[in-house]
Protein backbone atom coordinates (compact mmCIF):
# COMPACT_ATOMS: atom_id res chain seq x y z
CA MET A 1 -6.22 -12.50 -12.53
CA TYR A 2 -3.34 -10.16 -11.71
CA SER A 3 0.10 -9.59 -13.16
CA GLY A 4 2.79 -11.54 -11.32
CA ILE A 5 5.37 -8.80 -11.90
CA VAL A 6 5.79 -6.34 -9.02
CA ASN A 7 8.09 -3.33 -9.43
CA GLY A 8 9.60 -5.00 -12.48
CA GLU A 9 10.37 -8.22 -10.60
CA ARG A 10 8.65 -11.51 -11.36
CA THR A 11 7.23 -13.11 -8.22
CA THR A 12 4.50 -15.46 -7.03
CA PHE A 13 1.67 -14.94 -4.57
CA GLY A 14 0.33 -17.07 -1.77
CA THR A 15 -2.68 -17.19 0.53
CA SER A 16 -2.10 -15.55 3.90
CA GLY A 17 -5.08 -17.21 5.58
CA LEU A 18 -6.44 -13.76 6.45
CA LEU A 19 -9.64 -12.15 5.22
CA TYR A 20 -10.66 -8.52 4.80
CA ARG A 21 -14.37 -7.86 4.21
CA SER A 22 -14.74 -11.57 3.43
CA ASN A 23 -12.12 -11.32 0.68
CA LYS A 24 -8.83 -13.19 0.51
CA VAL A 25 -5.68 -11.40 1.67
CA MET A 26 -2.74 -12.61 -0.41
CA TYR A 27 1.00 -11.99 -0.06
CA ASP A 28 3.85 -11.74 -2.54
CA ARG A 29 6.89 -13.89 -1.97
CA ALA A 30 9.36 -11.20 -3.02
CA THR A 31 8.60 -8.67 -0.27
CA ARG A 32 6.13 -10.60 1.94
CA SER A 33 3.71 -7.70 1.67
CA LEU A 34 0.00 -8.39 2.18
CA TRP A 35 -2.37 -7.47 -0.67
CA HIS A 36 -6.10 -6.91 -1.12
CA GLN A 37 -7.40 -9.63 -3.41
CA PHE A 38 -10.25 -7.44 -4.68
CA THR A 39 -8.31 -4.26 -5.41
CA GLY A 40 -4.79 -5.53 -6.16
CA GLU A 41 -3.25 -3.08 -3.66
CA PRO A 42 -0.63 -3.83 -0.97
CA ILE A 43 -1.93 -3.02 2.51
CA ILE A 44 0.69 -4.19 5.04
CA GLY A 45 4.43 -4.64 4.66
CA PRO A 46 7.24 -3.02 2.64
CA LEU A 47 4.95 -2.10 -0.28
CA ALA A 48 2.11 -0.62 1.79
CA ASP A 49 1.32 3.02 0.88
CA SER A 50 3.54 2.72 -2.20
CA GLY A 51 0.71 3.62 -4.58
CA ILE A 52 1.16 0.33 -6.44
CA ARG A 53 -1.96 -1.21 -7.93
CA GLN A 54 -1.46 -4.44 -9.83
CA PRO A 55 -2.91 -4.49 -13.35
CA TYR A 56 -5.39 -7.28 -13.86
CA PHE A 57 -6.31 -9.20 -16.96
CA PRO A 58 -9.65 -10.10 -18.53
CA SER A 59 -10.99 -13.39 -17.23
CA VAL A 60 -14.28 -15.21 -17.40
CA VAL A 61 -16.27 -17.60 -15.22
CA THR A 62 -17.71 -20.22 -17.53
CA THR A 63 -18.33 -23.93 -17.88
CA TRP A 64 -15.86 -26.45 -19.19
CA GLY A 65 -18.24 -27.30 -22.04
CA GLU A 66 -18.51 -23.68 -23.22
CA TRP A 67 -14.79 -23.04 -22.87
CA LEU A 68 -13.80 -26.20 -24.75
CA ALA A 69 -16.21 -25.42 -27.58
CA GLU A 70 -14.65 -21.96 -27.97
CA HIS A 71 -11.05 -23.11 -27.37
CA PRO A 72 -10.68 -26.74 -28.50
CA ASP A 73 -6.86 -26.58 -28.25
CA THR A 74 -6.84 -25.25 -24.69
CA THR A 75 -4.45 -26.60 -22.06
CA VAL A 76 -5.77 -27.68 -18.67
CA LEU A 77 -4.35 -27.42 -15.17
CA SER A 78 -3.81 -30.95 -13.89
CA ARG A 79 -5.59 -32.05 -10.74
CA ASN A 80 -2.45 -34.02 -9.85
CA THR A 81 -0.94 -31.03 -8.08
CA GLY A 82 1.05 -32.83 -5.42
CA ILE A 83 -0.76 -30.68 -2.82
CA TYR A 84 -4.04 -32.55 -2.52
CA PRO A 85 -5.20 -35.82 -4.10
CA ALA A 86 -7.00 -35.49 -7.46
CA GLU A 87 -10.33 -36.55 -5.94
CA PHE A 88 -10.16 -33.50 -3.66
CA TYR A 89 -10.94 -31.19 -6.61
CA VAL A 90 -14.67 -31.52 -7.22
CA PRO A 91 -17.19 -29.14 -8.81
CA GLU A 92 -18.81 -26.55 -6.56
CA HIS A 93 -22.24 -28.15 -7.13
CA ASP A 94 -20.99 -31.47 -5.73
CA PRO A 95 -22.17 -31.90 -2.09
CA SER A 96 -18.66 -33.09 -1.17
CA ALA A 97 -17.11 -29.77 -2.23
CA ILE A 98 -15.61 -27.84 0.66
CA TYR A 99 -17.79 -24.75 0.20
CA TYR A 100 -20.91 -26.51 -1.07
CA SER A 101 -22.99 -25.54 1.96
CA TYR A 102 -21.83 -21.93 1.70
CA PHE A 103 -22.55 -21.57 -2.01
CA THR A 104 -26.01 -23.11 -1.62
CA SER A 105 -26.93 -20.94 1.36
CA ALA A 106 -28.16 -17.33 1.30
CA ALA A 107 -26.12 -16.52 4.39
CA VAL A 108 -22.67 -14.94 4.38
CA MET A 109 -19.92 -16.58 6.41
CA PHE A 110 -18.83 -13.45 8.27
CA PRO A 111 -20.63 -10.20 9.16
CA VAL A 112 -20.91 -7.70 6.30
CA TRP A 113 -21.06 -4.19 7.71
CA GLN A 114 -21.84 -2.40 4.46
CA ARG A 115 -24.86 -3.78 2.64
CA ASP A 116 -27.25 -2.70 -0.08
CA PRO A 117 -30.71 -4.24 -0.56
CA THR A 118 -30.74 -3.95 -4.36
CA PHE A 119 -29.84 -7.64 -4.61
CA GLU A 120 -29.44 -10.49 -2.16
CA PRO A 121 -25.90 -10.43 -0.67
CA LYS A 122 -24.71 -13.47 -2.65
CA GLU A 123 -26.36 -12.59 -5.96
CA VAL A 124 -23.62 -12.96 -8.59
CA VAL A 125 -22.78 -9.84 -10.59
CA ILE A 126 -20.28 -8.86 -13.22
CA GLY A 127 -18.74 -5.52 -12.33
CA LEU A 128 -17.01 -2.90 -14.47
CA ALA A 129 -14.81 -0.21 -12.92
CA ILE A 130 -13.71 2.48 -15.39
CA GLY A 131 -11.96 5.51 -13.95
CA ASP A 132 -13.95 6.58 -10.90
CA ALA A 133 -17.16 4.98 -12.18
CA ALA A 134 -18.44 1.49 -11.43
CA LYS A 135 -21.43 -0.49 -12.62
CA ALA A 136 -22.77 -3.92 -11.67
CA TYR A 137 -24.68 -6.26 -13.96
CA ARG A 138 -26.58 -9.13 -12.40
CA VAL A 139 -25.61 -12.34 -14.16
CA LYS A 140 -29.26 -13.43 -14.38
CA ASP A 141 -30.09 -10.23 -16.29
CA LEU A 142 -27.15 -10.68 -18.65
CA GLN A 143 -28.18 -14.28 -19.33
CA LYS A 144 -31.62 -13.09 -20.44
CA ALA A 145 -30.29 -10.20 -22.53
CA SER A 146 -27.24 -11.96 -24.08
CA LEU A 147 -26.05 -8.52 -25.27
CA VAL A 148 -25.97 -5.12 -23.58
CA ASN A 149 -24.84 -1.81 -25.07
CA ASP A 150 -24.03 0.65 -22.30
CA THR A 151 -21.84 3.55 -21.17
CA VAL A 152 -19.71 3.43 -18.01
CA GLY A 153 -17.45 6.24 -16.87
CA GLY A 154 -17.97 8.04 -20.17
CA ARG A 155 -16.78 5.00 -22.15
CA ASN A 156 -19.14 3.17 -24.49
CA VAL A 157 -19.09 -0.56 -23.77
CA VAL A 158 -20.79 -3.72 -24.97
CA ILE A 159 -21.19 -6.91 -22.93
CA ALA A 160 -21.74 -10.28 -24.61
CA ALA A 161 -23.05 -12.91 -22.20
CA SER A 162 -23.76 -16.62 -22.11
CA PRO A 163 -27.42 -17.63 -21.68
CA THR A 164 -26.50 -20.42 -19.26
CA SER A 165 -23.15 -19.82 -17.54
CA ARG A 166 -21.70 -16.83 -15.69
CA ALA A 167 -19.61 -15.85 -18.70
CA GLY A 168 -19.80 -12.19 -19.67
CA ARG A 169 -17.15 -10.46 -21.79
CA SER A 170 -17.04 -6.67 -22.04
CA TYR A 171 -15.47 -4.61 -24.82
CA GLU A 172 -15.11 -1.03 -25.90
CA ARG A 173 -17.64 -0.27 -28.64
CA GLY A 174 -16.62 3.21 -29.80
CA ASN A 175 -19.61 4.89 -31.43
CA ALA A 176 -21.13 1.63 -32.64
CA THR A 177 -24.26 -0.04 -31.33
CA PHE A 178 -24.20 -3.83 -31.54
CA SER A 179 -26.86 -6.47 -32.01
CA LEU A 180 -26.91 -10.24 -32.38
CA PRO A 181 -27.07 -11.70 -35.90
CA GLU A 182 -30.46 -13.19 -36.75
CA ALA A 183 -28.94 -16.65 -37.09
CA ALA A 184 -27.30 -16.55 -33.63
CA ASP A 185 -27.83 -19.67 -31.50
CA SER A 186 -29.90 -18.53 -28.51
CA ASP A 187 -28.66 -21.49 -26.43
CA ALA A 188 -24.94 -20.71 -26.85
CA PRO A 189 -22.72 -17.73 -26.01
CA PRO A 190 -22.56 -15.19 -28.88
CA ALA A 191 -19.72 -15.88 -31.31
CA GLU A 192 -20.08 -12.71 -33.35
CA LEU A 193 -21.86 -9.36 -33.27
CA LEU A 194 -23.37 -7.06 -35.86
CA ASP A 195 -22.81 -3.28 -35.65
CA ASP A 196 -25.29 -0.66 -36.86
CA SER A 197 -23.44 -0.30 -40.17
CA GLY A 198 -23.92 -3.99 -40.95
CA THR A 199 -20.32 -5.02 -40.20
CA ARG A 200 -19.81 -8.38 -38.46
CA TRP A 201 -17.36 -8.59 -35.54
CA GLN A 202 -15.80 -11.76 -34.18
CA ILE A 203 -15.79 -12.17 -30.40
CA THR A 204 -12.33 -13.17 -29.16
CA GLU A 205 -10.76 -13.22 -25.72
CA GLY A 206 -8.68 -10.13 -26.46
CA ALA A 207 -10.95 -7.97 -28.62
CA LEU A 208 -13.85 -7.67 -31.00
CA VAL A 209 -12.34 -8.14 -34.45
CA SER A 210 -13.91 -6.78 -37.64
CA GLN A 211 -14.48 -9.58 -40.14
CA THR A 212 -14.06 -7.19 -43.09
CA ASP A 213 -10.86 -5.61 -41.77
CA PRO A 214 -9.11 -7.63 -39.00
CA ALA A 215 -6.89 -4.63 -38.26
CA ARG A 216 -9.96 -2.95 -36.80
CA GLN A 217 -10.30 -4.16 -33.22
CA LEU A 218 -12.22 -3.04 -30.14
CA PRO A 219 -10.28 -4.08 -26.99
CA ARG A 220 -11.60 -6.19 -24.15
CA ILE A 221 -12.25 -4.46 -20.84
CA PRO A 222 -11.36 -6.43 -17.67
CA SER A 223 -14.34 -7.13 -15.43
CA ARG A 224 -14.93 -8.92 -12.14
CA THR A 225 -17.39 -11.67 -11.32
CA ALA A 226 -18.32 -11.38 -7.66
CA PHE A 227 -21.00 -11.74 -5.06
CA TRP A 228 -23.03 -8.53 -4.79
CA PHE A 229 -21.96 -7.92 -1.19
CA GLY A 230 -18.29 -8.14 -2.22
CA TRP A 231 -18.64 -5.76 -5.16
CA TYR A 232 -20.68 -3.26 -3.14
CA GLN A 233 -18.18 -3.12 -0.28
CA TYR A 234 -15.49 -1.84 -2.63
CA HIS A 235 -17.80 0.17 -4.89
CA PRO A 236 -20.52 1.65 -2.66
CA ASP A 237 -21.32 4.30 -5.30
CA THR A 238 -21.80 1.71 -8.02
CA GLU A 239 -24.51 2.03 -10.62
CA VAL A 240 -26.70 -0.99 -11.26
CA TYR A 241 -27.83 -2.20 -14.68
CA ARG A 242 -31.61 -2.24 -15.00
CA PRO A 243 -32.95 -4.29 -17.91
CA ALA A 244 -35.68 -2.73 -20.00
CA GLU A 245 -39.15 -3.95 -19.09
């Protein structure tokens, strides 16, 4: 989820139909430059080699049920887009979905020249890139842990994850170490955390917010949810989270 403002000008992006390392190549409609979808950098056209890198925002891959429970007043993008009929938009697990066979297969669609055997190529990971450091967390491991205190690129982070969906939100944690409250629902995403001083923190989309002093906040860190082969191609020196045995 990138900013739609390029060089101070508001614009929109489109799909070029091209791929690079099995990732979408998009274009901006202001300059017609082509951009890497994974890195947010222009690669061909007037903005190529400009040093621009689009800032991206925190986002999460979750289920409608989880999202609605957390955000009951949310707005929803209509399926009546005028581009395709509403029945065209079906869940990925529906056999009639366009990429159903791809998502349910272990194979990749195009050759991947740079691979790593740590995980299967299409294992889903949540990746953090902080400075020159990168670390990947397998979604399955986060689902089991629900909460991970870690350090990436010299920055202390905490990741709160859903036990059932791909949702994982990462935040700065300063010098605190977080745990889940004893009364936390193990079947639902964490709603609040407890630091080692006993202070409760509310999980929000923008930050962890202290319940005793709402002015105290620990900001969200943008992350990416990706197939392992996609993350590894752009972060070949990535660390990998290993859960404690």
